[in-house]
Structures are given as structure tokens and as C-alpha cells.
Amino acid sequence: MDHADQDPDVSHLATLSSALGEDLATVVSILSADLERGLEGVDRALAAGDLAAAARAAHAARNGALMLDHRPLLELVAMLENAARSGALPDVLAARGELSERWPALREALARVAAGR
């Protein structure tokens, strides 16, 4: 996989941090935690067979991806949300599978940004 699409936009995060009056590490930590909670919510909803709840959780995760301004992640989460809303379980599972592959690398990249590396 090409990891270039995993790199967060540091200048965007710095601008967001400044606008929020928070340090970069705090903003990155909050956004990462929000995304993680949203994706965990998707997993819980899928385990329960509740696509409506999966769509709501994906929407929450999408908000975090939007705040990060991370297009590849945003597109995947939006695909997952739309598939869940339309009841297309195979598409939901495919999008969640791809997110499972991509999110760890982005989470690590965000942690490096927060640590100033």
C-alpha cells in the first residue's frame, strides 16, 4: 500500500490547532480518539447486526475525518456510512475492511505529528 495517502496534512492540523487555541498534540489526540470511538461503534453495531447504528457511528467517524481534512479516510468512512444507510451489508463490510487496513497507519502518523516527529 502507498503510505503517502496515510500522511496527515500537518499544516492543516497546525491551523486547526491555532484556531481552536489548543496545542497540536491535544488536537491530534482528540481527533484520533473521536475517530477510534466512531470506528469501534461501527464494529459494535455490525456485531449486533444493526446497520442503522453502524451508519450513525460511521457518521461520527466521518466528522473526525473531515476535521482532519484527510480525503482518503473521509471517502472510506462516507462509503461505509452510505452503504449502511442503504442496507448494503457487503459494501459496509468491504469499506470497514479497508478502513481496518488503513486506520492503523494513519493513527501512527498522527501520533508522530502529535509527538513533533
N, C-alpha and C. Protein backbone atom coordinates (compact mmCIF):
# COMPACT_ATOMS: atom_id res chain seq x y z
N MET A 1 0.84 -1.18 0.00
CA MET A 1 0.00 0.00 0.00
C MET A 1 0.88 1.24 0.00
N ASP A 2 0.49 2.24 -0.73
CA ASP A 2 1.18 3.51 -0.76
C ASP A 2 0.84 4.27 0.51
N HIS A 3 1.88 4.56 1.31
CA HIS A 3 1.62 5.23 2.57
C HIS A 3 1.54 6.74 2.44
N ALA A 4 1.78 7.27 1.25
CA ALA A 4 1.67 8.72 1.06
C ALA A 4 0.27 9.20 1.37
N ASP A 5 -0.74 8.37 1.07
CA ASP A 5 -2.11 8.80 1.35
C ASP A 5 -2.45 8.66 2.83
N GLN A 6 -1.51 8.13 3.61
CA GLN A 6 -1.74 8.00 5.05
C GLN A 6 -1.23 9.22 5.82
N ASP A 7 -0.41 10.03 5.18
CA ASP A 7 0.19 11.16 5.87
C ASP A 7 -0.83 12.27 6.12
N PRO A 8 -0.96 12.66 7.38
CA PRO A 8 -1.88 13.77 7.67
C PRO A 8 -1.28 15.10 7.19
N ASP A 9 -2.13 16.04 6.93
CA ASP A 9 -1.72 17.37 6.50
C ASP A 9 -1.34 18.18 7.73
N VAL A 10 -0.04 18.25 8.00
CA VAL A 10 0.44 18.90 9.21
C VAL A 10 0.09 20.38 9.23
N SER A 11 0.16 21.04 8.08
CA SER A 11 -0.18 22.47 8.06
C SER A 11 -1.65 22.69 8.40
N HIS A 12 -2.52 21.80 7.90
CA HIS A 12 -3.94 21.90 8.24
C HIS A 12 -4.14 21.70 9.74
N LEU A 13 -3.48 20.69 10.29
CA LEU A 13 -3.62 20.42 11.72
C LEU A 13 -3.08 21.57 12.56
N ALA A 14 -2.00 22.19 12.13
CA ALA A 14 -1.45 23.33 12.86
C ALA A 14 -2.41 24.51 12.81
N THR A 15 -3.04 24.74 11.65
CA THR A 15 -4.02 25.82 11.52
C THR A 15 -5.24 25.54 12.40
N LEU A 16 -5.70 24.30 12.40
CA LEU A 16 -6.83 23.91 13.23
C LEU A 16 -6.48 24.08 14.71
N SER A 17 -5.30 23.67 15.08
CA SER A 17 -4.83 23.80 16.46
C SER A 17 -4.84 25.26 16.89
N SER A 18 -4.33 26.11 16.03
CA SER A 18 -4.29 27.55 16.33
C SER A 18 -5.70 28.12 16.45
N ALA A 19 -6.58 27.74 15.53
CA ALA A 19 -7.96 28.24 15.55
C ALA A 19 -8.69 27.81 16.81
N LEU A 20 -8.38 26.61 17.29
CA LEU A 20 -9.05 26.09 18.48
C LEU A 20 -8.38 26.55 19.77
N GLY A 21 -7.21 27.15 19.65
CA GLY A 21 -6.48 27.60 20.83
C GLY A 21 -5.94 26.45 21.66
N GLU A 22 -5.65 25.35 21.00
CA GLU A 22 -5.12 24.15 21.67
C GLU A 22 -3.79 23.79 21.04
N ASP A 23 -2.95 23.10 21.81
CA ASP A 23 -1.69 22.66 21.22
C ASP A 23 -1.96 21.52 20.25
N LEU A 24 -1.03 21.33 19.34
CA LEU A 24 -1.18 20.35 18.27
C LEU A 24 -1.40 18.94 18.82
N ALA A 25 -0.65 18.57 19.84
CA ALA A 25 -0.78 17.22 20.41
C ALA A 25 -2.19 16.98 20.94
N THR A 26 -2.78 17.98 21.58
CA THR A 26 -4.13 17.84 22.12
C THR A 26 -5.15 17.68 21.00
N VAL A 27 -5.06 18.50 19.96
CA VAL A 27 -5.99 18.42 18.85
C VAL A 27 -5.90 17.06 18.17
N VAL A 28 -4.68 16.61 17.90
CA VAL A 28 -4.49 15.32 17.24
C VAL A 28 -5.03 14.19 18.12
N SER A 29 -4.77 14.28 19.41
CA SER A 29 -5.25 13.25 20.34
C SER A 29 -6.78 13.19 20.36
N ILE A 30 -7.42 14.33 20.41
CA ILE A 30 -8.89 14.39 20.44
C ILE A 30 -9.47 13.83 19.14
N LEU A 31 -8.93 14.26 18.00
CA LEU A 31 -9.46 13.78 16.72
C LEU A 31 -9.22 12.29 16.53
N SER A 32 -8.07 11.81 16.94
CA SER A 32 -7.78 10.38 16.83
C SER A 32 -8.72 9.57 17.71
N ALA A 33 -8.95 10.04 18.93
CA ALA A 33 -9.85 9.34 19.84
C ALA A 33 -11.28 9.35 19.31
N ASP A 34 -11.72 10.47 18.73
CA ASP A 34 -13.06 10.54 18.16
C ASP A 34 -13.22 9.54 17.01
N LEU A 35 -12.23 9.48 16.15
CA LEU A 35 -12.27 8.53 15.05
C LEU A 35 -12.29 7.10 15.57
N GLU A 36 -11.45 6.83 16.53
CA GLU A 36 -11.37 5.48 17.10
C GLU A 36 -12.72 5.08 17.71
N ARG A 37 -13.34 5.99 18.45
CA ARG A 37 -14.66 5.71 19.03
C ARG A 37 -15.71 5.45 17.96
N GLY A 38 -15.67 6.24 16.90
CA GLY A 38 -16.62 6.04 15.81
C GLY A 38 -16.44 4.68 15.15
N LEU A 39 -15.20 4.29 14.90
CA LEU A 39 -14.94 3.00 14.26
C LEU A 39 -15.29 1.84 15.19
N GLU A 40 -15.03 2.01 16.49
CA GLU A 40 -15.43 0.98 17.45
C GLU A 40 -16.95 0.86 17.50
N GLY A 41 -17.64 2.00 17.39
CA GLY A 41 -19.10 1.99 17.34
C GLY A 41 -19.62 1.26 16.13
N VAL A 42 -18.95 1.45 14.99
CA VAL A 42 -19.32 0.71 13.79
C VAL A 42 -19.18 -0.79 14.04
N ASP A 43 -18.08 -1.18 14.63
CA ASP A 43 -17.84 -2.60 14.90
C ASP A 43 -18.88 -3.19 15.84
N ARG A 44 -19.22 -2.44 16.90
CA ARG A 44 -20.25 -2.92 17.84
C ARG A 44 -21.60 -3.07 17.12
N ALA A 45 -21.93 -2.08 16.30
CA ALA A 45 -23.20 -2.12 15.59
C ALA A 45 -23.24 -3.28 14.60
N LEU A 46 -22.14 -3.50 13.90
CA LEU A 46 -22.10 -4.62 12.95
C LEU A 46 -22.20 -5.95 13.67
N ALA A 47 -21.56 -6.06 14.82
CA ALA A 47 -21.64 -7.30 15.60
C ALA A 47 -23.08 -7.57 16.05
N ALA A 48 -23.83 -6.49 16.27
CA ALA A 48 -25.23 -6.62 16.69
C ALA A 48 -26.17 -6.71 15.48
N GLY A 49 -25.63 -6.58 14.28
CA GLY A 49 -26.46 -6.64 13.08
C GLY A 49 -27.32 -5.40 12.88
N ASP A 50 -26.87 -4.26 13.42
CA ASP A 50 -27.65 -3.02 13.38
C ASP A 50 -27.01 -2.03 12.40
N LEU A 51 -27.46 -2.06 11.16
CA LEU A 51 -26.87 -1.17 10.15
C LEU A 51 -27.20 0.30 10.40
N ALA A 52 -28.36 0.58 10.99
CA ALA A 52 -28.69 1.98 11.30
C ALA A 52 -27.71 2.54 12.32
N ALA A 53 -27.38 1.75 13.34
CA ALA A 53 -26.40 2.19 14.34
C ALA A 53 -25.01 2.29 13.71
N ALA A 54 -24.70 1.38 12.79
CA ALA A 54 -23.41 1.45 12.10
C ALA A 54 -23.32 2.74 11.29
N ALA A 55 -24.41 3.14 10.65
CA ALA A 55 -24.42 4.39 9.88
C ALA A 55 -24.20 5.59 10.79
N ARG A 56 -24.85 5.58 11.95
CA ARG A 56 -24.66 6.70 12.90
C ARG A 56 -23.22 6.77 13.40
N ALA A 57 -22.65 5.62 13.72
CA ALA A 57 -21.27 5.58 14.20
C ALA A 57 -20.30 6.01 13.09
N ALA A 58 -20.57 5.58 11.86
CA ALA A 58 -19.74 5.99 10.74
C ALA A 58 -19.83 7.49 10.51
N HIS A 59 -21.01 8.04 10.72
CA HIS A 59 -21.18 9.49 10.58
C HIS A 59 -20.32 10.22 11.60
N ALA A 60 -20.29 9.72 12.82
CA ALA A 60 -19.45 10.32 13.86
C ALA A 60 -17.97 10.23 13.46
N ALA A 61 -17.56 9.09 12.94
CA ALA A 61 -16.18 8.93 12.49
C ALA A 61 -15.88 9.85 11.31
N ARG A 62 -16.87 10.03 10.44
CA ARG A 62 -16.70 10.91 9.28
C ARG A 62 -16.43 12.34 9.71
N ASN A 63 -17.08 12.77 10.78
CA ASN A 63 -16.83 14.12 11.28
C ASN A 63 -15.37 14.29 11.68
N GLY A 64 -14.80 13.27 12.32
CA GLY A 64 -13.39 13.33 12.69
C GLY A 64 -12.49 13.37 11.46
N ALA A 65 -12.81 12.57 10.46
CA ALA A 65 -12.02 12.56 9.23
C ALA A 65 -12.12 13.91 8.52
N LEU A 66 -13.29 14.52 8.59
CA LEU A 66 -13.49 15.83 7.99
C LEU A 66 -12.64 16.88 8.71
N MET A 67 -12.61 16.82 10.03
CA MET A 67 -11.79 17.76 10.80
C MET A 67 -10.30 17.58 10.50
N LEU A 68 -9.91 16.34 10.26
CA LEU A 68 -8.52 16.07 9.89
C LEU A 68 -8.21 16.52 8.48
N ASP A 69 -9.26 16.67 7.67
CA ASP A 69 -9.12 17.01 6.25
C ASP A 69 -8.29 15.93 5.55
N HIS A 70 -8.60 14.68 5.90
CA HIS A 70 -7.87 13.54 5.32
C HIS A 70 -8.79 12.86 4.32
N ARG A 71 -8.62 13.19 3.05
CA ARG A 71 -9.52 12.76 1.99
C ARG A 71 -9.68 11.24 1.86
N PRO A 72 -8.59 10.46 1.83
CA PRO A 72 -8.78 9.01 1.68
C PRO A 72 -9.62 8.41 2.81
N LEU A 73 -9.36 8.84 4.03
CA LEU A 73 -10.13 8.34 5.16
C LEU A 73 -11.57 8.83 5.09
N LEU A 74 -11.75 10.08 4.76
CA LEU A 74 -13.08 10.66 4.65
C LEU A 74 -13.92 9.92 3.61
N GLU A 75 -13.32 9.61 2.47
CA GLU A 75 -14.05 8.90 1.42
C GLU A 75 -14.46 7.50 1.87
N LEU A 76 -13.56 6.80 2.56
CA LEU A 76 -13.89 5.45 3.04
C LEU A 76 -15.00 5.46 4.08
N VAL A 77 -14.91 6.39 5.01
CA VAL A 77 -15.93 6.47 6.06
C VAL A 77 -17.27 6.87 5.46
N ALA A 78 -17.26 7.78 4.49
CA ALA A 78 -18.51 8.17 3.83
C ALA A 78 -19.10 6.99 3.06
N MET A 79 -18.25 6.20 2.40
CA MET A 79 -18.73 5.00 1.70
C MET A 79 -19.38 4.04 2.70
N LEU A 80 -18.74 3.86 3.83
CA LEU A 80 -19.28 2.96 4.85
C LEU A 80 -20.63 3.48 5.35
N GLU A 81 -20.70 4.77 5.65
CA GLU A 81 -21.95 5.36 6.13
C GLU A 81 -23.06 5.21 5.10
N ASN A 82 -22.78 5.54 3.85
CA ASN A 82 -23.80 5.45 2.81
C ASN A 82 -24.26 4.02 2.58
N ALA A 83 -23.32 3.08 2.60
CA ALA A 83 -23.68 1.68 2.42
C ALA A 83 -24.55 1.19 3.58
N ALA A 84 -24.21 1.60 4.79
CA ALA A 84 -25.00 1.19 5.95
C ALA A 84 -26.41 1.78 5.87
N ARG A 85 -26.50 3.05 5.47
CA ARG A 85 -27.83 3.69 5.35
C ARG A 85 -28.69 2.99 4.30
N SER A 86 -28.05 2.48 3.25
CA SER A 86 -28.83 1.83 2.20
C SER A 86 -29.00 0.33 2.44
N GLY A 87 -28.43 -0.18 3.53
CA GLY A 87 -28.60 -1.60 3.87
C GLY A 87 -27.73 -2.54 3.06
N ALA A 88 -26.68 -2.04 2.46
CA ALA A 88 -25.79 -2.84 1.62
C ALA A 88 -24.66 -3.44 2.46
N LEU A 89 -24.98 -4.50 3.18
CA LEU A 89 -24.01 -5.10 4.10
C LEU A 89 -22.69 -5.47 3.43
N PRO A 90 -22.67 -6.09 2.24
CA PRO A 90 -21.37 -6.41 1.63
C PRO A 90 -20.49 -5.17 1.42
N ASP A 91 -21.11 -4.06 1.02
CA ASP A 91 -20.35 -2.82 0.83
C ASP A 91 -19.88 -2.25 2.16
N VAL A 92 -20.70 -2.37 3.19
CA VAL A 92 -20.30 -1.93 4.54
C VAL A 92 -19.07 -2.72 4.97
N LEU A 93 -19.14 -4.02 4.82
CA LEU A 93 -18.03 -4.88 5.26
C LEU A 93 -16.76 -4.61 4.45
N ALA A 94 -16.91 -4.35 3.16
CA ALA A 94 -15.75 -4.04 2.32
C ALA A 94 -15.10 -2.72 2.76
N ALA A 95 -15.92 -1.70 2.99
CA ALA A 95 -15.38 -0.41 3.43
C ALA A 95 -14.74 -0.53 4.81
N ARG A 96 -15.39 -1.28 5.71
CA ARG A 96 -14.81 -1.45 7.05
C ARG A 96 -13.50 -2.22 6.97
N GLY A 97 -13.43 -3.20 6.08
CA GLY A 97 -12.19 -3.94 5.90
C GLY A 97 -11.06 -3.05 5.43
N GLU A 98 -11.36 -2.18 4.49
CA GLU A 98 -10.33 -1.26 4.01
C GLU A 98 -9.92 -0.27 5.09
N LEU A 99 -10.89 0.19 5.87
CA LEU A 99 -10.57 1.07 6.99
C LEU A 99 -9.68 0.36 8.00
N SER A 100 -9.94 -0.91 8.22
CA SER A 100 -9.12 -1.69 9.16
C SER A 100 -7.68 -1.78 8.69
N GLU A 101 -7.49 -1.77 7.38
CA GLU A 101 -6.14 -1.80 6.83
C GLU A 101 -5.46 -0.44 6.90
N ARG A 102 -6.22 0.63 6.69
CA ARG A 102 -5.62 1.97 6.58
C ARG A 102 -5.53 2.73 7.90
N TRP A 103 -6.49 2.55 8.79
CA TRP A 103 -6.53 3.35 10.01
C TRP A 103 -5.30 3.19 10.89
N PRO A 104 -4.77 2.00 11.10
CA PRO A 104 -3.58 1.90 11.97
C PRO A 104 -2.40 2.74 11.48
N ALA A 105 -2.14 2.76 10.18
CA ALA A 105 -1.03 3.56 9.66
C ALA A 105 -1.29 5.05 9.85
N LEU A 106 -2.52 5.47 9.63
CA LEU A 106 -2.84 6.89 9.84
C LEU A 106 -2.76 7.24 11.32
N ARG A 107 -3.25 6.36 12.18
CA ARG A 107 -3.18 6.60 13.62
C ARG A 107 -1.72 6.77 14.06
N GLU A 108 -0.84 5.92 13.52
CA GLU A 108 0.59 6.04 13.84
C GLU A 108 1.17 7.35 13.31
N ALA A 109 0.78 7.74 12.11
CA ALA A 109 1.25 9.00 11.53
C ALA A 109 0.77 10.18 12.37
N LEU A 110 -0.46 10.11 12.84
CA LEU A 110 -0.99 11.18 13.70
C LEU A 110 -0.23 11.24 15.02
N ALA A 111 0.11 10.09 15.56
CA ALA A 111 0.88 10.06 16.81
C ALA A 111 2.25 10.70 16.60
N ARG A 112 2.87 10.47 15.45
CA ARG A 112 4.16 11.10 15.15
C ARG A 112 4.00 12.62 15.06
N VAL A 113 2.92 13.07 14.43
CA VAL A 113 2.67 14.52 14.34
C VAL A 113 2.50 15.09 15.74
N ALA A 114 1.73 14.41 16.56
CA ALA A 114 1.50 14.90 17.93
C ALA A 114 2.79 14.96 18.73
N ALA A 115 3.69 14.03 18.46
CA ALA A 115 4.97 13.98 19.18
C ALA A 115 6.01 14.93 18.56
N GLY A 116 5.63 15.59 17.47
CA GLY A 116 6.55 16.53 16.83
C GLY A 116 7.61 15.86 15.98
N ARG A 117 7.33 14.64 15.53
CA ARG A 117 8.30 13.92 14.68
C ARG A 117 7.88 13.93 13.25
